[in-house]
Amino acid sequence: MPLDLGIRTLMYLVVDADSPPQWSAWGEKPIPLTPAELAALPTGIDTITLTLEGSPTSIPGISRTVNGRLEWLIRPLPDPVVVMFAALPGPNGWTVPASEATWRTIGLALLELGVTPAAMVTGYPQLWDACKAEVLADL
């Protein structure tokens, strides 16, 4: 009997030393995503919801691609870096998507290089304030 699963992209659940212990058995589980699900995948630290045995289960983490393989790295929420990042531009939030993307990309790269969340929470606002001061000085 032929089964047509349509177009799917496999995303693998990944755990490491920083993943919450209750998720330790979930490492290397493949999740087949439709094109619409793939397009809706969060780009920052967030949650995905899987239906397991009829119950929706939210899995905190962040999507990443490692050696061409799509992964959902399970991480605890809330993340203080995400909270800090969202607060950087002030009460109106990010208004220039390209600016947000640049700051987010650099922040994620720093985290992947081992910069601690505590250092990010301290250093990122200082860098933001220094950039704002420079721009305002040129006006």
Protein backbone atom coordinates (compact mmCIF):
# COMPACT_ATOMS: atom_id res chain seq x y z
CA MET A 1 0.00 0.00 0.00
CA PRO A 2 1.59 3.31 -1.04
CA LEU A 3 1.65 6.11 1.53
CA ASP A 4 2.11 9.68 0.34
CA LEU A 5 3.55 11.81 3.11
CA GLY A 6 3.93 14.77 0.79
CA ILE A 7 6.89 17.08 1.07
CA ARG A 8 8.43 16.90 4.53
CA THR A 9 11.59 18.25 6.10
CA LEU A 10 12.94 16.34 9.07
CA MET A 11 13.82 18.36 12.14
CA TYR A 12 15.57 16.51 14.94
CA LEU A 13 15.05 17.20 18.62
CA VAL A 14 18.44 17.72 20.26
CA VAL A 15 19.39 17.80 23.92
CA ASP A 16 22.65 18.78 25.57
CA ALA A 17 23.94 19.59 29.05
CA ASP A 18 21.85 22.81 29.17
CA SER A 19 18.57 21.12 28.23
CA PRO A 20 16.01 20.61 31.02
CA PRO A 21 16.42 17.09 32.45
CA GLN A 22 12.83 16.05 31.69
CA TRP A 23 13.65 16.23 27.98
CA SER A 24 16.78 14.04 28.10
CA ALA A 25 15.06 11.05 26.47
CA TRP A 26 13.93 13.15 23.51
CA GLY A 27 17.33 13.51 21.85
CA GLU A 28 17.52 12.53 18.18
CA LYS A 29 13.76 12.17 17.71
CA PRO A 30 12.85 13.18 14.13
CA ILE A 31 9.87 15.47 13.56
CA PRO A 32 8.55 15.63 9.94
CA LEU A 33 7.55 19.21 9.09
CA THR A 34 5.33 20.32 6.23
CA PRO A 35 6.43 23.37 4.21
CA ALA A 36 3.91 25.51 6.16
CA GLU A 37 5.20 24.23 9.50
CA LEU A 38 8.76 24.84 8.39
CA ALA A 39 7.91 28.43 7.39
CA ALA A 40 6.22 29.02 10.77
CA LEU A 41 9.13 27.66 12.80
CA PRO A 42 10.24 30.24 15.40
CA THR A 43 13.56 31.96 14.69
CA GLY A 44 14.49 32.74 18.29
CA ILE A 45 14.18 30.97 21.59
CA ASP A 46 10.53 29.96 21.75
CA THR A 47 8.38 26.84 21.97
CA ILE A 48 7.03 24.37 19.48
CA THR A 49 3.94 22.34 20.32
CA LEU A 50 3.70 18.66 19.47
CA THR A 51 0.64 16.51 20.03
CA LEU A 52 1.79 13.51 22.04
CA GLU A 53 -0.73 10.78 22.87
CA GLY A 54 -3.53 13.26 22.16
CA SER A 55 -2.18 16.02 24.39
CA PRO A 56 -0.43 19.17 23.16
CA THR A 57 3.06 19.42 24.64
CA SER A 58 5.15 22.59 24.38
CA ILE A 59 8.85 22.03 23.89
CA PRO A 60 11.06 25.04 24.61
CA GLY A 61 14.13 25.64 22.50
CA ILE A 62 15.64 27.20 19.42
CA SER A 63 15.89 26.05 15.83
CA ARG A 64 19.29 25.75 14.24
CA THR A 65 20.94 24.06 11.30
CA VAL A 66 24.07 22.02 11.97
CA ASN A 67 25.91 20.49 9.00
CA GLY A 68 22.78 20.87 6.86
CA ARG A 69 20.55 19.15 9.44
CA LEU A 70 17.62 21.08 10.92
CA GLU A 71 17.49 20.76 14.70
CA TRP A 72 15.36 21.96 17.59
CA LEU A 73 17.82 22.44 20.47
CA ILE A 74 15.74 22.01 23.62
CA ARG A 75 16.35 24.92 25.99
CA PRO A 76 14.61 26.18 29.13
CA LEU A 77 12.24 29.16 29.06
CA PRO A 78 12.08 32.01 29.81
CA ASP A 79 15.51 32.99 28.63
CA PRO A 80 16.84 36.24 30.10
CA VAL A 81 18.68 37.01 26.85
CA VAL A 82 15.42 36.97 24.91
CA VAL A 83 13.75 39.21 27.47
CA MET A 84 16.68 41.64 27.30
CA PHE A 85 16.80 41.56 23.51
CA ALA A 86 13.11 42.37 23.17
CA ALA A 87 13.52 45.33 25.55
CA LEU A 88 16.55 46.89 23.80
CA PRO A 89 14.77 49.26 21.40
CA GLY A 90 12.33 50.52 24.04
CA PRO A 91 8.55 50.44 24.35
CA ASN A 92 7.87 50.45 20.58
CA GLY A 93 9.91 47.30 20.02
CA TRP A 94 11.96 46.67 16.89
CA THR A 95 10.69 48.82 14.01
CA VAL A 96 13.35 47.98 11.39
CA PRO A 97 13.30 44.23 10.68
CA ALA A 98 16.80 44.27 9.17
CA SER A 99 18.20 45.86 12.32
CA GLU A 100 16.52 43.29 14.53
CA ALA A 101 17.81 40.48 12.31
CA THR A 102 21.38 41.81 12.47
CA TRP A 103 21.38 42.16 16.26
CA ARG A 104 19.69 38.74 16.64
CA THR A 105 22.20 37.04 14.32
CA ILE A 106 25.15 38.51 16.18
CA GLY A 107 23.62 37.59 19.54
CA LEU A 108 22.95 34.00 18.49
CA ALA A 109 26.50 33.72 17.14
CA LEU A 110 27.89 34.97 20.46
CA LEU A 111 25.78 32.46 22.38
CA GLU A 112 26.96 29.64 20.10
CA LEU A 113 30.56 30.75 20.73
CA GLY A 114 30.03 30.28 24.44
CA VAL A 115 29.25 33.81 25.65
CA THR A 116 27.12 33.24 28.73
CA PRO A 117 23.56 34.53 28.95
CA ALA A 118 24.60 36.59 31.98
CA ALA A 119 27.31 38.31 29.92
CA MET A 120 24.81 38.94 27.12
CA VAL A 121 22.28 40.47 29.50
CA THR A 122 24.97 42.86 30.79
CA GLY A 123 26.93 43.52 27.62
CA TYR A 124 24.24 43.83 24.95
CA PRO A 125 22.44 46.82 26.51
CA GLN A 126 25.81 48.54 27.01
CA LEU A 127 26.65 48.00 23.35
CA TRP A 128 23.18 49.22 22.34
CA ASP A 129 23.57 52.39 24.43
CA ALA A 130 27.02 53.04 22.95
CA CYS A 131 25.63 52.70 19.40
CA LYS A 132 22.72 55.03 20.18
CA ALA A 133 25.10 57.62 21.67
CA GLU A 134 27.27 57.51 18.54
CA VAL A 135 24.27 57.93 16.22
CA LEU A 136 22.88 60.80 18.29
CA ALA A 137 26.28 62.53 18.37
CA ASP A 138 26.31 62.57 14.56
CA LEU A 139 22.89 64.24 14.26
